[in-house]
C-alpha cells in the first residue's frame, strides 16, 4: 500500500499531485523529442487547470516557469522560452542579523530597558512622574525573576544606570509594590467565592417558614 506520507509533498498545490507525477514521468523519458512532446501536453493541461490566469501578461511563459519549477529545474526539453533562473522564483533568504548588544539587565526585559532610555529624554517634570512608575514595575519584575523580596536600593541603582543618570528617585522615597496578575486573579477568585457563599447563606436564611397553626 502506498501511503501519502511516504510520497513527495506537492510542490505547487494549484496543479495538484497528479500533474506533478506527470512531470516526474516526463523527466524519465529518455528520447528528447518525446520528452519535449510530453512537456507540451503537460503545459496544455496546466492551462486548462488555471483558465482564470489566461488574461495575465506572459501567461504561457509563466506556465513553463512553473513546469521547470516542479521539475526542480532538471527538465531538459526544447521549450519556447529559456529556463528561468532559480533565484528569480525562489530567492535566497537574507541573512538574519541577531542583535549584538549585550543587555546586562535582561531580567527586566528588552522593552522596559528601551522605555527607560526613551523616558530619560523627557522633560524633568515628566521624568519624576515616570521614574516612580517604572521603578514599581521593575520591582515587580525583579521579584518575579528572583522570587524574593527586592531591596529598593537595587532597583533605584539599576534605574539610574540604565538611564545613564537621567532617571533617578530620591533615596528616602520608597518604591510602591505592584501586585502581579497571578495574585490579583487569586484575590478575585477568593473574594468571588466569599461573596457567593454569603449570598447562598442569605438565601438559605430567608427561607419561608410555614405557620403550622394555619394548617389545622
C-alpha atoms as a PDB file:
ATOM      1  CA  UNK A   1       0.000   0.000   0.000  1.00  0.00           C
ATOM      2  CA  UNK A   2       1.279   3.447  -0.956  1.00  0.00           C
ATOM      3  CA  UNK A   3       0.935   5.903   1.920  1.00  0.00           C
ATOM      4  CA  UNK A   4       0.749   9.620   1.168  1.00  0.00           C
ATOM      5  CA  UNK A   5       3.200  10.463   3.947  1.00  0.00           C
ATOM      6  CA  UNK A   6       5.856   8.464   2.087  1.00  0.00           C
ATOM      7  CA  UNK A   7       5.387  10.469  -1.117  1.00  0.00           C
ATOM      8  CA  UNK A   8       6.994  13.749  -2.059  1.00  0.00           C
ATOM      9  CA  UNK A   9       4.877  16.739  -0.968  1.00  0.00           C
ATOM     10  CA  UNK A  10       3.027  18.765  -3.581  1.00  0.00           C
ATOM     11  CA  UNK A  11       5.297  21.476  -4.926  1.00  0.00           C
ATOM     12  CA  UNK A  12       2.636  23.740  -6.483  1.00  0.00           C
ATOM     13  CA  UNK A  13      -0.755  22.977  -4.974  1.00  0.00           C
ATOM     14  CA  UNK A  14      -2.743  24.762  -7.681  1.00  0.00           C
ATOM     15  CA  UNK A  15      -1.770  21.985 -10.125  1.00  0.00           C
ATOM     16  CA  UNK A  16      -2.225  19.046  -7.810  1.00  0.00           C
ATOM     17  CA  UNK A  17      -0.474  15.748  -7.229  1.00  0.00           C
ATOM     18  CA  UNK A  18      -1.440  14.077 -10.498  1.00  0.00           C
ATOM     19  CA  UNK A  19       0.140  16.724 -12.706  1.00  0.00           C
ATOM     20  CA  UNK A  20       3.244  16.671 -10.557  1.00  0.00           C
ATOM     21  CA  UNK A  21       3.565  12.928 -11.157  1.00  0.00           C
ATOM     22  CA  UNK A  22       3.181  13.600 -14.917  1.00  0.00           C
ATOM     23  CA  UNK A  23       6.174  15.932 -14.740  1.00  0.00           C
ATOM     24  CA  UNK A  24       8.235  13.291 -12.949  1.00  0.00           C
ATOM     25  CA  UNK A  25       7.273  10.686 -15.581  1.00  0.00           C
ATOM     26  CA  UNK A  26       8.173  13.152 -18.319  1.00  0.00           C
ATOM     27  CA  UNK A  27      11.660  13.561 -16.853  1.00  0.00           C
ATOM     28  CA  UNK A  28      12.163   9.790 -17.098  1.00  0.00           C
ATOM     29  CA  UNK A  29      11.591   9.732 -20.872  1.00  0.00           C
ATOM     30  CA  UNK A  30      14.985   9.186 -22.486  1.00  0.00           C
ATOM     31  CA  UNK A  31      14.185  10.397 -26.003  1.00  0.00           C
ATOM     32  CA  UNK A  32      14.410  14.217 -26.105  1.00  0.00           C
ATOM     33  CA  UNK A  33      11.762  14.673 -28.802  1.00  0.00           C
ATOM     34  CA  UNK A  34       9.245  12.516 -26.990  1.00  0.00           C
ATOM     35  CA  UNK A  35      10.123  14.268 -23.730  1.00  0.00           C
ATOM     36  CA  UNK A  36       9.533  17.651 -25.359  1.00  0.00           C
ATOM     37  CA  UNK A  37       6.219  16.471 -26.779  1.00  0.00           C
ATOM     38  CA  UNK A  38       5.128  15.255 -23.345  1.00  0.00           C
ATOM     39  CA  UNK A  39       6.128  18.613 -21.818  1.00  0.00           C
ATOM     40  CA  UNK A  40       3.883  20.458 -24.295  1.00  0.00           C
ATOM     41  CA  UNK A  41       0.999  18.164 -23.387  1.00  0.00           C
ATOM     42  CA  UNK A  42       1.557  18.943 -19.703  1.00  0.00           C
ATOM     43  CA  UNK A  43       1.567  22.670 -20.455  1.00  0.00           C
ATOM     44  CA  UNK A  44      -1.786  22.261 -22.220  1.00  0.00           C
ATOM     45  CA  UNK A  45      -3.212  20.524 -19.135  1.00  0.00           C
ATOM     46  CA  UNK A  46      -1.836  23.256 -16.874  1.00  0.00           C
ATOM     47  CA  UNK A  47      -3.585  25.914 -18.956  1.00  0.00           C
ATOM     48  CA  UNK A  48      -6.899  24.082 -18.537  1.00  0.00           C
ATOM     49  CA  UNK A  49      -6.397  23.803 -14.770  1.00  0.00           C
ATOM     50  CA  UNK A  50      -5.876  27.565 -14.422  1.00  0.00           C
ATOM     51  CA  UNK A  51      -8.067  29.174 -17.120  1.00  0.00           C
ATOM     52  CA  UNK A  52      -8.659  32.258 -14.984  1.00  0.00           C
ATOM     53  CA  UNK A  53      -5.000  33.229 -15.408  1.00  0.00           C
ATOM     54  CA  UNK A  54      -5.084  33.416 -19.211  1.00  0.00           C
ATOM     55  CA  UNK A  55      -5.602  37.164 -19.186  1.00  0.00           C
ATOM     56  CA  UNK A  56      -2.363  37.666 -17.303  1.00  0.00           C
ATOM     57  CA  UNK A  57       0.657  39.002 -19.112  1.00  0.00           C
ATOM     58  CA  UNK A  58       3.193  36.391 -20.250  1.00  0.00           C
ATOM     59  CA  UNK A  59       0.745  33.654 -19.291  1.00  0.00           C
ATOM     60  CA  UNK A  60       2.370  30.824 -21.282  1.00  0.00           C
ATOM     61  CA  UNK A  61       5.833  31.794 -20.161  1.00  0.00           C
ATOM     62  CA  UNK A  62       4.682  31.554 -16.553  1.00  0.00           C
ATOM     63  CA  UNK A  63       3.347  28.061 -17.242  1.00  0.00           C
ATOM     64  CA  UNK A  64       6.747  26.960 -18.485  1.00  0.00           C
ATOM     65  CA  UNK A  65       8.373  28.590 -15.437  1.00  0.00           C
ATOM     66  CA  UNK A  66       6.050  26.577 -13.202  1.00  0.00           C
ATOM     67  CA  UNK A  67       6.843  23.410 -15.131  1.00  0.00           C
ATOM     68  CA  UNK A  68      10.569  23.891 -14.653  1.00  0.00           C
ATOM     69  CA  UNK A  69       9.982  24.716 -11.009  1.00  0.00           C
ATOM     70  CA  UNK A  70       8.069  21.477 -10.403  1.00  0.00           C
ATOM     71  CA  UNK A  71      10.900  19.536 -12.064  1.00  0.00           C
ATOM     72  CA  UNK A  72      13.421  21.273  -9.806  1.00  0.00           C
ATOM     73  CA  UNK A  73      14.870  22.857 -12.976  1.00  0.00           C
ATOM     74  CA  UNK A  74      16.045  19.445 -14.192  1.00  0.00           C
ATOM     75  CA  UNK A  75      13.657  19.015 -17.143  1.00  0.00           C
ATOM     76  CA  UNK A  76      15.713  19.107 -20.368  1.00  0.00           C
ATOM     77  CA  UNK A  77      13.353  19.912 -23.256  1.00  0.00           C
ATOM     78  CA  UNK A  78      13.087  22.263 -26.231  1.00  0.00           C
ATOM     79  CA  UNK A  79      10.935  24.952 -24.647  1.00  0.00           C
ATOM     80  CA  UNK A  80       9.717  28.127 -26.405  1.00  0.00           C
ATOM     81  CA  UNK A  81      11.160  30.122 -23.506  1.00  0.00           C
ATOM     82  CA  UNK A  82      14.544  29.897 -21.786  1.00  0.00           C
ATOM     83  CA  UNK A  83      14.620  28.204 -18.423  1.00  0.00           C
ATOM     84  CA  UNK A  84      14.210  30.800 -15.715  1.00  0.00           C
ATOM     85  CA  UNK A  85      16.900  31.093 -13.071  1.00  0.00           C
ATOM     86  CA  UNK A  86      16.095  29.528  -9.728  1.00  0.00           C
ATOM     87  CA  UNK A  87      16.874  32.736  -7.826  1.00  0.00           C
ATOM     88  CA  UNK A  88      14.135  34.616  -9.710  1.00  0.00           C
ATOM     89  CA  UNK A  89      11.445  32.206  -8.475  1.00  0.00           C
ATOM     90  CA  UNK A  90      12.927  31.089  -5.178  1.00  0.00           C
ATOM     91  CA  UNK A  91      15.107  33.948  -3.932  1.00  0.00           C
ATOM     92  CA  UNK A  92      17.632  33.154  -1.252  1.00  0.00           C
ATOM     93  CA  UNK A  93      16.518  34.469   2.128  1.00  0.00           C
ATOM     94  CA  UNK A  94      18.537  37.317   3.505  1.00  0.00           C
ATOM     95  CA  UNK A  95      20.763  36.527   6.425  1.00  0.00           C
ATOM     96  CA  UNK A  96      19.143  37.462   9.704  1.00  0.00           C
ATOM     97  CA  UNK A  97      21.391  39.523  11.909  1.00  0.00           C
ATOM     98  CA  UNK A  98      20.891  38.976  15.594  1.00  0.00           C
ATOM     99  CA  UNK A  99      21.378  41.998  17.836  1.00  0.00           C
ATOM    100  CA  UNK A 100      24.926  42.167  19.104  1.00  0.00           C
ATOM    101  CA  UNK A 101      24.048  44.400  22.007  1.00  0.00           C
ATOM    102  CA  UNK A 102      24.503  42.643  25.350  1.00  0.00           C
ATOM    103  CA  UNK A 103      21.768  43.513  27.819  1.00  0.00           C
ATOM    104  CA  UNK A 104      23.056  43.373  31.380  1.00  0.00           C
ATOM    105  CA  UNK A 105      19.541  43.936  32.648  1.00  0.00           C
ATOM    106  CA  UNK A 106      17.764  41.303  30.579  1.00  0.00           C
ATOM    107  CA  UNK A 107      15.790  40.137  33.614  1.00  0.00           C
ATOM    108  CA  UNK A 108      13.776  43.345  33.284  1.00  0.00           C
ATOM    109  CA  UNK A 109      13.073  42.630  29.633  1.00  0.00           C
ATOM    110  CA  UNK A 110      14.161  44.320  26.437  1.00  0.00           C
ATOM    111  CA  UNK A 111      11.245  46.715  26.169  1.00  0.00           C
ATOM    112  CA  UNK A 112      11.473  48.136  29.688  1.00  0.00           C
ATOM    113  CA  UNK A 113      15.138  48.970  29.047  1.00  0.00           C
ATOM    114  CA  UNK A 114      14.215  50.723  25.795  1.00  0.00           C
ATOM    115  CA  UNK A 115      11.399  52.570  27.552  1.00  0.00           C
ATOM    116  CA  UNK A 116      13.785  53.775  30.258  1.00  0.00           C
ATOM    117  CA  UNK A 117      16.160  55.105  27.621  1.00  0.00           C
ATOM    118  CA  UNK A 118      13.259  56.884  25.939  1.00  0.00           C
ATOM    119  CA  UNK A 119      11.926  58.292  29.238  1.00  0.00           C
ATOM    120  CA  UNK A 120      15.372  59.664  30.043  1.00  0.00           C
ATOM    121  CA  UNK A 121      14.938  62.140  27.180  1.00  0.00           C
ATOM    122  CA  UNK A 122      11.705  63.609  28.589  1.00  0.00           C
ATOM    123  CA  UNK A 123      11.319  66.894  30.410  1.00  0.00           C
ATOM    124  CA  UNK A 124      12.443  66.984  34.045  1.00  0.00           C
ATOM    125  CA  UNK A 125       8.905  67.316  35.374  1.00  0.00           C
ATOM    126  CA  UNK A 126       7.729  64.239  33.457  1.00  0.00           C
ATOM    127  CA  UNK A 127      10.829  62.299  34.452  1.00  0.00           C
ATOM    128  CA  UNK A 128       9.930  62.487  38.137  1.00  0.00           C
ATOM    129  CA  UNK A 129       6.462  61.115  37.489  1.00  0.00           C
ATOM    130  CA  UNK A 130       7.551  58.393  35.100  1.00  0.00           C
ATOM    131  CA  UNK A 131      10.534  57.276  37.178  1.00  0.00           C
ATOM    132  CA  UNK A 132       8.352  56.131  40.085  1.00  0.00           C
ATOM    133  CA  UNK A 133       6.036  54.071  37.849  1.00  0.00           C
ATOM    134  CA  UNK A 134       8.955  52.463  36.041  1.00  0.00           C
ATOM    135  CA  UNK A 135      10.656  51.611  39.316  1.00  0.00           C
ATOM    136  CA  UNK A 136       7.463  49.985  40.614  1.00  0.00           C
ATOM    137  CA  UNK A 137       7.263  47.776  37.542  1.00  0.00           C
ATOM    138  CA  UNK A 138      10.974  46.942  37.780  1.00  0.00           C
ATOM    139  CA  UNK A 139      10.475  45.883  41.375  1.00  0.00           C
ATOM    140  CA  UNK A 140       7.626  43.587  40.359  1.00  0.00           C
ATOM    141  CA  UNK A 141       9.661  42.014  37.551  1.00  0.00           C
ATOM    142  CA  UNK A 142      12.710  41.675  39.782  1.00  0.00           C
ATOM    143  CA  UNK A 143      10.641  39.892  42.416  1.00  0.00           C
ATOM    144  CA  UNK A 144       9.165  37.564  39.798  1.00  0.00           C
ATOM    145  CA  UNK A 145      12.641  36.800  38.432  1.00  0.00           C
ATOM    146  CA  UNK A 146      14.333  36.149  41.798  1.00  0.00           C
ATOM    147  CA  UNK A 147      11.260  35.051  43.755  1.00  0.00           C
ATOM    148  CA  UNK A 148      12.363  37.051  46.783  1.00  0.00           C
ATOM    149  CA  UNK A 149      11.836  40.426  48.420  1.00  0.00           C
ATOM    150  CA  UNK A 150      13.663  43.103  46.438  1.00  0.00           C
ATOM    151  CA  UNK A 151      15.639  45.885  48.043  1.00  0.00           C
ATOM    152  CA  UNK A 152      14.570  49.316  46.789  1.00  0.00           C
ATOM    153  CA  UNK A 153      18.195  50.414  46.554  1.00  0.00           C
ATOM    154  CA  UNK A 154      18.930  47.741  43.945  1.00  0.00           C
ATOM    155  CA  UNK A 155      16.051  48.868  41.746  1.00  0.00           C
ATOM    156  CA  UNK A 156      16.970  52.550  42.139  1.00  0.00           C
ATOM    157  CA  UNK A 157      20.588  51.885  41.174  1.00  0.00           C
ATOM    158  CA  UNK A 158      19.520  49.844  38.151  1.00  0.00           C
ATOM    159  CA  UNK A 159      17.152  52.609  37.072  1.00  0.00           C
ATOM    160  CA  UNK A 160      19.933  55.169  37.324  1.00  0.00           C
ATOM    161  CA  UNK A 161      22.464  53.018  35.495  1.00  0.00           C
ATOM    162  CA  UNK A 162      20.135  52.031  32.643  1.00  0.00           C
ATOM    163  CA  UNK A 163      19.107  55.651  32.070  1.00  0.00           C
ATOM    164  CA  UNK A 164      22.719  56.878  32.357  1.00  0.00           C
ATOM    165  CA  UNK A 165      21.703  59.058  35.278  1.00  0.00           C
ATOM    166  CA  UNK A 166      18.731  60.661  33.512  1.00  0.00           C
ATOM    167  CA  UNK A 167      16.144  58.956  35.753  1.00  0.00           C
ATOM    168  CA  UNK A 168      16.595  58.982  39.499  1.00  0.00           C
ATOM    169  CA  UNK A 169      14.479  58.511  42.604  1.00  0.00           C
ATOM    170  CA  UNK A 170      15.120  60.157  45.972  1.00  0.00           C
ATOM    171  CA  UNK A 171      16.854  57.899  48.454  1.00  0.00           C
ATOM    172  CA  UNK A 172      14.198  58.480  51.115  1.00  0.00           C
ATOM    173  CA  UNK A 173      11.308  57.633  48.779  1.00  0.00           C
ATOM    174  CA  UNK A 174      10.051  54.048  48.859  1.00  0.00           C
ATOM    175  CA  UNK A 175       9.011  52.215  45.726  1.00  0.00           C
ATOM    176  CA  UNK A 176       5.382  51.249  45.560  1.00  0.00           C
ATOM    177  CA  UNK A 177       4.880  47.486  45.400  1.00  0.00           C
ATOM    178  CA  UNK A 178       2.764  46.404  42.463  1.00  0.00           C
ATOM    179  CA  UNK A 179       0.620  43.265  42.623  1.00  0.00           C
ATOM    180  CA  UNK A 180       1.224  40.616  39.979  1.00  0.00           C
ATOM    181  CA  UNK A 181      -1.573  39.447  37.720  1.00  0.00           C
ATOM    182  CA  UNK A 182      -1.466  35.995  39.294  1.00  0.00           C
ATOM    183  CA  UNK A 183      -2.005  37.363  42.802  1.00  0.00           C
ATOM    184  CA  UNK A 184      -4.777  39.642  41.559  1.00  0.00           C
ATOM    185  CA  UNK A 185      -6.539  36.681  39.971  1.00  0.00           C
ATOM    186  CA  UNK A 186      -6.287  34.616  43.152  1.00  0.00           C
ATOM    187  CA  UNK A 187      -7.626  37.515  45.214  1.00  0.00           C
ATOM    188  CA  UNK A 188     -10.520  37.981  42.819  1.00  0.00           C
ATOM    189  CA  UNK A 189     -11.403  34.288  42.916  1.00  0.00           C
ATOM    190  CA  UNK A 190     -11.248  34.286  46.731  1.00  0.00           C
ATOM    191  CA  UNK A 191     -13.491  37.343  47.042  1.00  0.00           C
ATOM    192  CA  UNK A 192     -15.877  35.960  44.453  1.00  0.00           C
ATOM    193  CA  UNK A 193     -16.131  32.686  46.395  1.00  0.00           C
ATOM    194  CA  UNK A 194     -16.789  34.528  49.653  1.00  0.00           C
ATOM    195  CA  UNK A 195     -19.499  36.642  48.031  1.00  0.00           C
ATOM    196  CA  UNK A 196     -21.103  33.534  46.583  1.00  0.00           C
ATOM    197  CA  UNK A 197     -21.154  31.771  49.950  1.00  0.00           C
ATOM    198  CA  UNK A 198     -22.536  34.896  51.609  1.00  0.00           C
ATOM    199  CA  UNK A 199     -25.285  35.174  49.029  1.00  0.00           C
ATOM    200  CA  UNK A 200     -26.131  31.484  49.407  1.00  0.00           C
ATOM    201  CA  UNK A 201     -26.319  31.898  53.188  1.00  0.00           C
ATOM    202  CA  UNK A 202     -28.735  34.779  52.811  1.00  0.00           C
ATOM    203  CA  UNK A 203     -30.957  32.708  50.567  1.00  0.00           C
ATOM    204  CA  UNK A 204     -30.946  29.821  52.987  1.00  0.00           C
ATOM    205  CA  UNK A 205     -31.574  32.167  55.920  1.00  0.00           C
ATOM    206  CA  UNK A 206     -34.581  33.743  54.206  1.00  0.00           C
ATOM    207  CA  UNK A 207     -36.462  30.519  53.605  1.00  0.00           C
ATOM    208  CA  UNK A 208     -40.207  30.970  54.135  1.00  0.00           C
ATOM    209  CA  UNK A 209     -41.496  29.432  57.390  1.00  0.00           C
ATOM    210  CA  UNK A 210     -44.983  27.985  57.180  1.00  0.00           C
ATOM    211  CA  UNK A 211     -47.292  28.538  60.126  1.00  0.00           C
ATOM    212  CA  UNK A 212     -48.362  25.159  61.421  1.00  0.00           C
ATOM    213  CA  UNK A 213     -51.441  26.665  63.081  1.00  0.00           C
ATOM    214  CA  UNK A 214     -52.859  27.662  59.670  1.00  0.00           C
ATOM    215  CA  UNK A 215     -52.796  24.050  58.511  1.00  0.00           C
ATOM    216  CA  UNK A 216     -55.178  22.964  61.217  1.00  0.00           C
END
